[in-house]
Amino acid sequence: MGDAEGPRPESLAEAFETLVDLRQEGLIRNLGVSNVTAEQVAEARGIAPIVCVQNMYNLAHRHDDDLIDRLATDGIAYVPFFPLGGFTPLQSEALSGVAARLRATPMSVALAWLLRCSPNILLIPGTSSTAHLHENIAGAGLSLSNEDAAELDGIGH
């Protein structure tokens, strides 16, 4: 519903109802919303069940913490777009420090942090090379300690 600057606080009913119609015609199996506010998620859910919300979210952009928790309670997936920062990759001393301690790359650590945030996080990090693909996969295998996670949590606050 939004643009590159984030969600626009307007009704999504007309557009979402079109998707509901397409689902009733058998052209869409499940419904989700993207780049939306918590209020728009509630509006969509009042029209039809959704299975996924996709919003910008990463270590530095944490505006959806409460929404992710509510969605997890209801079994709805949350897909963070720009999980590694987008066009400007995430950089911070805390991220680099945790990565060095774990002998991992900062991007692997950032993905591990996202996976640790909530069981409903569904990661689809993009990649432009085999090396980045290996970094992405490594993130799924990292275990962050509570101390590491707390240090990383400080980045977005």
N, C-alpha and C. Protein backbone atom coordinates (compact mmCIF):
# COMPACT_ATOMS: atom_id res chain seq x y z
N MET A 1 0.82 -1.20 0.00
CA MET A 1 0.00 0.00 0.00
C MET A 1 0.85 1.25 0.00
N GLY A 2 2.09 1.12 0.33
CA GLY A 2 2.93 2.30 0.40
C GLY A 2 3.86 2.42 -0.78
N ASP A 3 4.95 3.12 -0.53
CA ASP A 3 5.96 3.31 -1.55
C ASP A 3 7.33 3.14 -0.90
N ALA A 4 8.38 3.61 -1.56
CA ALA A 4 9.74 3.44 -1.05
C ALA A 4 9.96 4.13 0.30
N GLU A 5 9.10 5.07 0.64
CA GLU A 5 9.23 5.77 1.91
C GLU A 5 8.45 5.10 3.03
N GLY A 6 7.71 4.05 2.72
CA GLY A 6 6.96 3.33 3.74
C GLY A 6 5.48 3.31 3.44
N PRO A 7 4.71 2.73 4.38
CA PRO A 7 3.26 2.64 4.18
C PRO A 7 2.60 4.02 4.17
N ARG A 8 1.56 4.13 3.38
CA ARG A 8 0.73 5.35 3.39
C ARG A 8 -0.53 5.02 4.18
N PRO A 9 -0.89 5.83 5.14
CA PRO A 9 -2.05 5.54 6.00
C PRO A 9 -3.38 5.82 5.28
N GLU A 10 -3.77 4.89 4.43
CA GLU A 10 -5.04 5.02 3.72
C GLU A 10 -5.72 3.66 3.70
N SER A 11 -6.96 3.65 3.35
CA SER A 11 -7.70 2.39 3.30
C SER A 11 -7.17 1.50 2.18
N LEU A 12 -7.06 0.22 2.49
CA LEU A 12 -6.66 -0.75 1.47
C LEU A 12 -7.85 -1.61 1.02
N ALA A 13 -9.03 -1.28 1.51
CA ALA A 13 -10.21 -2.12 1.28
C ALA A 13 -10.48 -2.38 -0.19
N GLU A 14 -10.49 -1.37 -1.02
CA GLU A 14 -10.84 -1.57 -2.43
C GLU A 14 -9.84 -2.51 -3.12
N ALA A 15 -8.57 -2.27 -2.94
CA ALA A 15 -7.55 -3.12 -3.57
C ALA A 15 -7.59 -4.53 -2.99
N PHE A 16 -7.76 -4.65 -1.68
CA PHE A 16 -7.77 -5.96 -1.05
C PHE A 16 -9.01 -6.76 -1.45
N GLU A 17 -10.14 -6.10 -1.57
CA GLU A 17 -11.37 -6.78 -2.00
C GLU A 17 -11.23 -7.33 -3.41
N THR A 18 -10.45 -6.66 -4.25
CA THR A 18 -10.17 -7.18 -5.59
C THR A 18 -9.40 -8.49 -5.49
N LEU A 19 -8.44 -8.56 -4.58
CA LEU A 19 -7.71 -9.80 -4.37
C LEU A 19 -8.62 -10.90 -3.83
N VAL A 20 -9.51 -10.54 -2.94
CA VAL A 20 -10.48 -11.51 -2.41
C VAL A 20 -11.32 -12.08 -3.55
N ASP A 21 -11.75 -11.21 -4.47
CA ASP A 21 -12.52 -11.68 -5.62
C ASP A 21 -11.71 -12.66 -6.46
N LEU A 22 -10.45 -12.35 -6.68
CA LEU A 22 -9.58 -13.24 -7.46
C LEU A 22 -9.39 -14.58 -6.75
N ARG A 23 -9.32 -14.54 -5.44
CA ARG A 23 -9.22 -15.80 -4.69
C ARG A 23 -10.50 -16.62 -4.85
N GLN A 24 -11.66 -15.96 -4.79
CA GLN A 24 -12.93 -16.67 -4.96
C GLN A 24 -13.06 -17.28 -6.35
N GLU A 25 -12.37 -16.66 -7.34
CA GLU A 25 -12.37 -17.20 -8.70
C GLU A 25 -11.35 -18.33 -8.87
N GLY A 26 -10.58 -18.60 -7.82
CA GLY A 26 -9.59 -19.66 -7.88
C GLY A 26 -8.26 -19.24 -8.48
N LEU A 27 -8.05 -17.96 -8.67
CA LEU A 27 -6.81 -17.48 -9.28
C LEU A 27 -5.72 -17.21 -8.25
N ILE A 28 -6.11 -17.07 -6.99
CA ILE A 28 -5.17 -16.84 -5.89
C ILE A 28 -5.52 -17.81 -4.77
N ARG A 29 -4.53 -18.42 -4.18
CA ARG A 29 -4.81 -19.37 -3.10
C ARG A 29 -4.86 -18.67 -1.74
N ASN A 30 -3.87 -17.84 -1.45
CA ASN A 30 -3.78 -17.17 -0.14
C ASN A 30 -3.57 -15.68 -0.33
N LEU A 31 -3.92 -14.94 0.70
CA LEU A 31 -3.82 -13.48 0.64
C LEU A 31 -2.80 -12.96 1.64
N GLY A 32 -2.11 -11.92 1.23
CA GLY A 32 -1.18 -11.23 2.11
C GLY A 32 -1.18 -9.75 1.77
N VAL A 33 -0.53 -8.98 2.60
CA VAL A 33 -0.42 -7.54 2.38
C VAL A 33 1.04 -7.13 2.53
N SER A 34 1.39 -6.04 1.89
CA SER A 34 2.78 -5.59 1.90
C SER A 34 2.86 -4.08 2.08
N ASN A 35 3.88 -3.66 2.82
CA ASN A 35 4.16 -2.24 3.03
C ASN A 35 2.95 -1.54 3.65
N VAL A 36 2.51 -2.10 4.78
CA VAL A 36 1.27 -1.64 5.42
C VAL A 36 1.50 -1.30 6.89
N THR A 37 0.56 -0.53 7.42
CA THR A 37 0.56 -0.21 8.84
C THR A 37 -0.19 -1.31 9.61
N ALA A 38 -0.07 -1.30 10.91
CA ALA A 38 -0.81 -2.25 11.73
C ALA A 38 -2.31 -2.06 11.55
N GLU A 39 -2.75 -0.83 11.38
CA GLU A 39 -4.17 -0.55 11.16
C GLU A 39 -4.64 -1.15 9.83
N GLN A 40 -3.81 -1.09 8.81
CA GLN A 40 -4.17 -1.67 7.52
C GLN A 40 -4.21 -3.20 7.60
N VAL A 41 -3.33 -3.78 8.39
CA VAL A 41 -3.37 -5.23 8.61
C VAL A 41 -4.71 -5.59 9.24
N ALA A 42 -5.12 -4.84 10.25
CA ALA A 42 -6.41 -5.10 10.90
C ALA A 42 -7.56 -4.92 9.92
N GLU A 43 -7.47 -3.90 9.07
CA GLU A 43 -8.52 -3.67 8.07
C GLU A 43 -8.61 -4.87 7.11
N ALA A 44 -7.46 -5.33 6.62
CA ALA A 44 -7.45 -6.47 5.70
C ALA A 44 -8.01 -7.71 6.38
N ARG A 45 -7.61 -7.96 7.61
CA ARG A 45 -8.09 -9.14 8.35
C ARG A 45 -9.58 -9.07 8.60
N GLY A 46 -10.14 -7.87 8.66
CA GLY A 46 -11.58 -7.71 8.81
C GLY A 46 -12.34 -8.06 7.53
N ILE A 47 -11.64 -8.08 6.41
CA ILE A 47 -12.25 -8.40 5.12
C ILE A 47 -12.11 -9.88 4.80
N ALA A 48 -10.89 -10.41 5.02
CA ALA A 48 -10.62 -11.82 4.70
C ALA A 48 -9.35 -12.24 5.45
N PRO A 49 -9.19 -13.54 5.68
CA PRO A 49 -7.97 -14.01 6.36
C PRO A 49 -6.73 -13.75 5.50
N ILE A 50 -5.65 -13.41 6.17
CA ILE A 50 -4.36 -13.23 5.48
C ILE A 50 -3.37 -14.25 6.05
N VAL A 51 -2.39 -14.61 5.25
CA VAL A 51 -1.38 -15.56 5.70
C VAL A 51 -0.02 -14.91 5.89
N CYS A 52 0.14 -13.67 5.40
CA CYS A 52 1.47 -13.07 5.42
C CYS A 52 1.39 -11.56 5.37
N VAL A 53 2.34 -10.93 6.06
CA VAL A 53 2.56 -9.49 5.98
C VAL A 53 4.02 -9.31 5.58
N GLN A 54 4.26 -8.43 4.61
CA GLN A 54 5.63 -8.14 4.18
C GLN A 54 5.87 -6.65 4.32
N ASN A 55 6.78 -6.30 5.23
CA ASN A 55 7.13 -4.92 5.48
C ASN A 55 8.65 -4.80 5.60
N MET A 56 9.15 -3.56 5.48
CA MET A 56 10.56 -3.33 5.71
C MET A 56 10.86 -3.54 7.19
N TYR A 57 11.87 -4.36 7.45
CA TYR A 57 12.23 -4.65 8.84
C TYR A 57 13.63 -5.24 8.85
N ASN A 58 14.46 -4.73 9.74
CA ASN A 58 15.80 -5.28 9.93
C ASN A 58 16.36 -4.73 11.25
N LEU A 59 17.61 -5.00 11.52
CA LEU A 59 18.21 -4.55 12.77
C LEU A 59 18.05 -3.05 13.02
N ALA A 60 18.13 -2.27 11.97
CA ALA A 60 18.08 -0.82 12.12
C ALA A 60 16.68 -0.24 11.99
N HIS A 61 15.77 -0.96 11.37
CA HIS A 61 14.41 -0.47 11.14
C HIS A 61 13.44 -1.43 11.82
N ARG A 62 13.07 -1.08 13.06
CA ARG A 62 12.34 -2.00 13.94
C ARG A 62 10.93 -1.52 14.26
N HIS A 63 10.31 -0.80 13.38
CA HIS A 63 8.99 -0.22 13.66
C HIS A 63 7.88 -1.25 13.81
N ASP A 64 8.11 -2.50 13.40
CA ASP A 64 7.04 -3.50 13.45
C ASP A 64 7.18 -4.52 14.58
N ASP A 65 7.99 -4.24 15.58
CA ASP A 65 8.19 -5.21 16.67
C ASP A 65 6.86 -5.71 17.24
N ASP A 66 5.97 -4.81 17.60
CA ASP A 66 4.68 -5.20 18.19
C ASP A 66 3.80 -5.95 17.19
N LEU A 67 3.80 -5.50 15.93
CA LEU A 67 3.00 -6.16 14.91
C LEU A 67 3.48 -7.60 14.70
N ILE A 68 4.78 -7.80 14.67
CA ILE A 68 5.33 -9.16 14.48
C ILE A 68 4.84 -10.06 15.60
N ASP A 69 4.88 -9.57 16.82
CA ASP A 69 4.41 -10.37 17.96
C ASP A 69 2.94 -10.74 17.83
N ARG A 70 2.11 -9.77 17.45
CA ARG A 70 0.67 -10.04 17.30
C ARG A 70 0.42 -11.06 16.18
N LEU A 71 1.13 -10.91 15.08
CA LEU A 71 0.97 -11.84 13.97
C LEU A 71 1.42 -13.25 14.36
N ALA A 72 2.50 -13.34 15.12
CA ALA A 72 2.99 -14.65 15.56
C ALA A 72 1.94 -15.35 16.40
N THR A 73 1.29 -14.60 17.28
CA THR A 73 0.23 -15.17 18.12
C THR A 73 -0.88 -15.77 17.27
N ASP A 74 -1.14 -15.16 16.11
CA ASP A 74 -2.22 -15.62 15.24
C ASP A 74 -1.74 -16.54 14.12
N GLY A 75 -0.46 -16.91 14.13
CA GLY A 75 0.06 -17.84 13.13
C GLY A 75 0.20 -17.24 11.74
N ILE A 76 0.43 -15.95 11.67
CA ILE A 76 0.57 -15.27 10.38
C ILE A 76 2.05 -14.96 10.16
N ALA A 77 2.55 -15.33 8.98
CA ALA A 77 3.96 -15.11 8.65
C ALA A 77 4.26 -13.63 8.48
N TYR A 78 5.50 -13.28 8.80
CA TYR A 78 6.00 -11.92 8.59
C TYR A 78 7.27 -12.04 7.75
N VAL A 79 7.26 -11.40 6.59
CA VAL A 79 8.40 -11.43 5.68
C VAL A 79 9.04 -10.04 5.66
N PRO A 80 10.23 -9.91 6.26
CA PRO A 80 10.88 -8.61 6.22
C PRO A 80 11.52 -8.36 4.86
N PHE A 81 11.17 -7.23 4.23
CA PHE A 81 11.93 -6.90 3.03
C PHE A 81 13.05 -5.96 3.43
N PHE A 82 14.11 -5.99 2.66
CA PHE A 82 15.38 -5.33 2.99
C PHE A 82 15.91 -5.83 4.33
N PRO A 83 15.93 -7.17 4.53
CA PRO A 83 16.41 -7.70 5.81
C PRO A 83 17.87 -7.40 6.09
N LEU A 84 18.62 -7.06 5.04
CA LEU A 84 20.04 -6.73 5.20
C LEU A 84 20.30 -5.25 4.97
N GLY A 85 19.25 -4.45 4.95
CA GLY A 85 19.41 -3.02 4.83
C GLY A 85 19.03 -2.45 3.48
N GLY A 86 18.83 -3.28 2.49
CA GLY A 86 18.44 -2.79 1.18
C GLY A 86 19.60 -2.25 0.39
N PHE A 87 19.43 -1.09 -0.20
CA PHE A 87 20.45 -0.51 -1.05
C PHE A 87 21.64 0.01 -0.25
N THR A 88 21.46 0.17 1.05
CA THR A 88 22.54 0.56 1.94
C THR A 88 22.69 -0.53 2.99
N PRO A 89 23.62 -1.46 2.78
CA PRO A 89 23.75 -2.59 3.72
C PRO A 89 23.95 -2.12 5.17
N LEU A 90 23.43 -2.91 6.08
CA LEU A 90 23.54 -2.62 7.50
C LEU A 90 25.00 -2.53 7.91
N GLN A 91 25.30 -1.54 8.72
CA GLN A 91 26.64 -1.37 9.26
C GLN A 91 26.52 -0.79 10.65
N SER A 92 27.22 -1.40 11.59
CA SER A 92 27.30 -0.83 12.93
C SER A 92 28.45 -1.51 13.66
N GLU A 93 28.98 -0.82 14.64
CA GLU A 93 30.05 -1.41 15.44
C GLU A 93 29.56 -2.64 16.18
N ALA A 94 28.34 -2.58 16.69
CA ALA A 94 27.79 -3.73 17.42
C ALA A 94 27.67 -4.95 16.51
N LEU A 95 27.16 -4.75 15.32
CA LEU A 95 27.00 -5.85 14.37
C LEU A 95 28.37 -6.43 13.99
N SER A 96 29.33 -5.57 13.71
CA SER A 96 30.68 -6.04 13.37
C SER A 96 31.32 -6.76 14.54
N GLY A 97 31.11 -6.27 15.76
CA GLY A 97 31.68 -6.90 16.94
C GLY A 97 31.13 -8.30 17.18
N VAL A 98 29.82 -8.44 17.09
CA VAL A 98 29.21 -9.76 17.27
C VAL A 98 29.69 -10.69 16.16
N ALA A 99 29.75 -10.20 14.93
CA ALA A 99 30.20 -11.03 13.82
C ALA A 99 31.64 -11.51 14.04
N ALA A 100 32.49 -10.62 14.51
CA ALA A 100 33.89 -11.01 14.76
C ALA A 100 33.96 -12.09 15.84
N ARG A 101 33.20 -11.92 16.92
CA ARG A 101 33.21 -12.92 18.00
C ARG A 101 32.73 -14.29 17.51
N LEU A 102 31.75 -14.28 16.59
CA LEU A 102 31.19 -15.53 16.10
C LEU A 102 31.94 -16.07 14.87
N ARG A 103 32.93 -15.32 14.44
CA ARG A 103 33.67 -15.68 13.21
C ARG A 103 32.70 -15.85 12.04
N ALA A 104 31.86 -14.86 11.90
CA ALA A 104 30.84 -14.86 10.85
C ALA A 104 30.84 -13.50 10.18
N THR A 105 30.11 -13.37 9.11
CA THR A 105 29.99 -12.07 8.45
C THR A 105 28.87 -11.28 9.13
N PRO A 106 28.94 -9.96 9.05
CA PRO A 106 27.85 -9.15 9.61
C PRO A 106 26.49 -9.50 9.01
N MET A 107 26.44 -9.80 7.71
CA MET A 107 25.16 -10.11 7.08
C MET A 107 24.60 -11.44 7.60
N SER A 108 25.45 -12.42 7.83
CA SER A 108 24.99 -13.69 8.42
C SER A 108 24.41 -13.45 9.80
N VAL A 109 25.07 -12.61 10.58
CA VAL A 109 24.61 -12.31 11.93
C VAL A 109 23.27 -11.57 11.88
N ALA A 110 23.14 -10.64 10.95
CA ALA A 110 21.87 -9.89 10.82
C ALA A 110 20.72 -10.84 10.50
N LEU A 111 20.96 -11.82 9.65
CA LEU A 111 19.91 -12.80 9.32
C LEU A 111 19.62 -13.70 10.52
N ALA A 112 20.66 -14.10 11.24
CA ALA A 112 20.46 -14.94 12.44
C ALA A 112 19.62 -14.18 13.46
N TRP A 113 19.89 -12.89 13.61
CA TRP A 113 19.11 -12.07 14.55
C TRP A 113 17.63 -12.06 14.15
N LEU A 114 17.36 -11.88 12.86
CA LEU A 114 15.97 -11.88 12.40
C LEU A 114 15.28 -13.21 12.70
N LEU A 115 15.97 -14.30 12.42
CA LEU A 115 15.37 -15.62 12.67
C LEU A 115 15.11 -15.85 14.16
N ARG A 116 15.92 -15.24 15.01
CA ARG A 116 15.77 -15.38 16.46
C ARG A 116 14.63 -14.52 17.00
N CYS A 117 14.27 -13.48 16.28
CA CYS A 117 13.24 -12.52 16.74
C CYS A 117 11.90 -13.17 17.02
N SER A 118 11.47 -14.01 16.10
CA SER A 118 10.12 -14.56 16.21
C SER A 118 10.00 -15.79 15.32
N PRO A 119 9.19 -16.77 15.74
CA PRO A 119 9.04 -17.97 14.93
C PRO A 119 8.27 -17.74 13.62
N ASN A 120 7.60 -16.61 13.49
CA ASN A 120 6.84 -16.35 12.27
C ASN A 120 7.63 -15.57 11.23
N ILE A 121 8.89 -15.27 11.50
CA ILE A 121 9.72 -14.57 10.52
C ILE A 121 10.06 -15.53 9.39
N LEU A 122 9.76 -15.13 8.18
CA LEU A 122 10.06 -15.89 6.98
C LEU A 122 11.04 -15.06 6.16
N LEU A 123 12.27 -15.51 6.08
CA LEU A 123 13.30 -14.73 5.39
C LEU A 123 13.41 -15.13 3.93
N ILE A 124 13.50 -14.12 3.08
CA ILE A 124 13.76 -14.32 1.66
C ILE A 124 14.82 -13.28 1.26
N PRO A 125 16.05 -13.44 1.77
CA PRO A 125 17.07 -12.45 1.42
C PRO A 125 17.49 -12.60 -0.03
N GLY A 126 17.61 -11.50 -0.69
CA GLY A 126 18.07 -11.54 -2.08
C GLY A 126 19.56 -11.79 -2.14
N THR A 127 20.03 -12.17 -3.30
CA THR A 127 21.45 -12.39 -3.48
C THR A 127 21.83 -12.14 -4.92
N SER A 128 23.05 -11.68 -5.08
CA SER A 128 23.54 -11.43 -6.43
C SER A 128 24.76 -12.28 -6.75
N SER A 129 25.14 -13.15 -5.81
CA SER A 129 26.32 -13.97 -6.04
C SER A 129 26.27 -15.23 -5.18
N THR A 130 27.08 -16.20 -5.56
CA THR A 130 27.18 -17.43 -4.79
C THR A 130 27.72 -17.14 -3.40
N ALA A 131 28.66 -16.20 -3.30
CA ALA A 131 29.23 -15.85 -1.99
C ALA A 131 28.15 -15.32 -1.07
N HIS A 132 27.27 -14.47 -1.59
CA HIS A 132 26.17 -13.94 -0.77
C HIS A 132 25.21 -15.05 -0.38
N LEU A 133 24.97 -15.98 -1.28
CA LEU A 133 24.10 -17.10 -0.97
C LEU A 133 24.67 -17.90 0.21
N HIS A 134 25.97 -18.13 0.20
CA HIS A 134 26.61 -18.85 1.31
C HIS A 134 26.49 -18.07 2.62
N GLU A 135 26.63 -16.74 2.55
CA GLU A 135 26.44 -15.90 3.73
C GLU A 135 25.03 -16.03 4.27
N ASN A 136 24.05 -16.00 3.35
CA ASN A 136 22.65 -16.11 3.76
C ASN A 136 22.39 -17.45 4.44
N ILE A 137 22.90 -18.51 3.87
CA ILE A 137 22.70 -19.85 4.44
C ILE A 137 23.39 -19.95 5.80
N ALA A 138 24.57 -19.37 5.92
CA ALA A 138 25.30 -19.42 7.19
C ALA A 138 24.50 -18.76 8.31
N GLY A 139 23.75 -17.73 8.00
CA GLY A 139 22.94 -17.05 9.01
C GLY A 139 21.94 -17.97 9.67
N ALA A 140 21.41 -18.92 8.91
CA ALA A 140 20.43 -19.86 9.46
C ALA A 140 21.07 -20.82 10.45
N GLY A 141 22.38 -21.01 10.35
CA GLY A 141 23.06 -21.94 11.24
C GLY A 141 23.70 -21.30 12.45
N LEU A 142 23.65 -20.00 12.54
CA LEU A 142 24.26 -19.31 13.68
C LEU A 142 23.35 -19.33 14.90
N SER A 143 23.94 -19.52 16.05
CA SER A 143 23.21 -19.41 17.31
C SER A 143 23.72 -18.19 18.05
N LEU A 144 22.84 -17.26 18.27
CA LEU A 144 23.20 -16.04 19.00
C LEU A 144 22.94 -16.26 20.48
N SER A 145 23.88 -15.87 21.30
CA SER A 145 23.67 -15.93 22.75
C SER A 145 22.71 -14.80 23.14
N ASN A 146 22.19 -14.86 24.34
CA ASN A 146 21.34 -13.77 24.83
C ASN A 146 22.11 -12.47 24.87
N GLU A 147 23.40 -12.54 25.20
CA GLU A 147 24.24 -11.33 25.23
C GLU A 147 24.40 -10.75 23.83
N ASP A 148 24.66 -11.62 22.84
CA ASP A 148 24.77 -11.16 21.46
C ASP A 148 23.48 -10.51 21.00
N ALA A 149 22.37 -11.16 21.26
CA ALA A 149 21.06 -10.65 20.85
C ALA A 149 20.77 -9.31 21.51
N ALA A 150 21.09 -9.17 22.77
CA ALA A 150 20.85 -7.90 23.47
C ALA A 150 21.69 -6.78 22.86
N GLU A 151 22.94 -7.09 22.52
CA GLU A 151 23.80 -6.09 21.90
C GLU A 151 23.23 -5.67 20.54
N LEU A 152 22.77 -6.64 19.77
CA LEU A 152 22.19 -6.33 18.46
C LEU A 152 20.86 -5.59 18.60
N ASP A 153 20.08 -5.93 19.61
CA ASP A 153 18.80 -5.24 19.84
C ASP A 153 19.00 -3.75 20.02
N GLY A 154 20.14 -3.36 20.57
CA GLY A 154 20.42 -1.95 20.79
C GLY A 154 20.58 -1.15 19.51
N ILE A 155 20.82 -1.81 18.39
CA ILE A 155 21.03 -1.11 17.12
C ILE A 155 19.77 -0.37 16.71
N GLY A 156 18.62 -0.99 16.85
CA GLY A 156 17.38 -0.39 16.38
C GLY A 156 16.70 0.52 17.37
N HIS A 157 17.29 0.72 18.50
CA HIS A 157 16.62 1.55 19.53
C HIS A 157 17.45 2.75 19.89
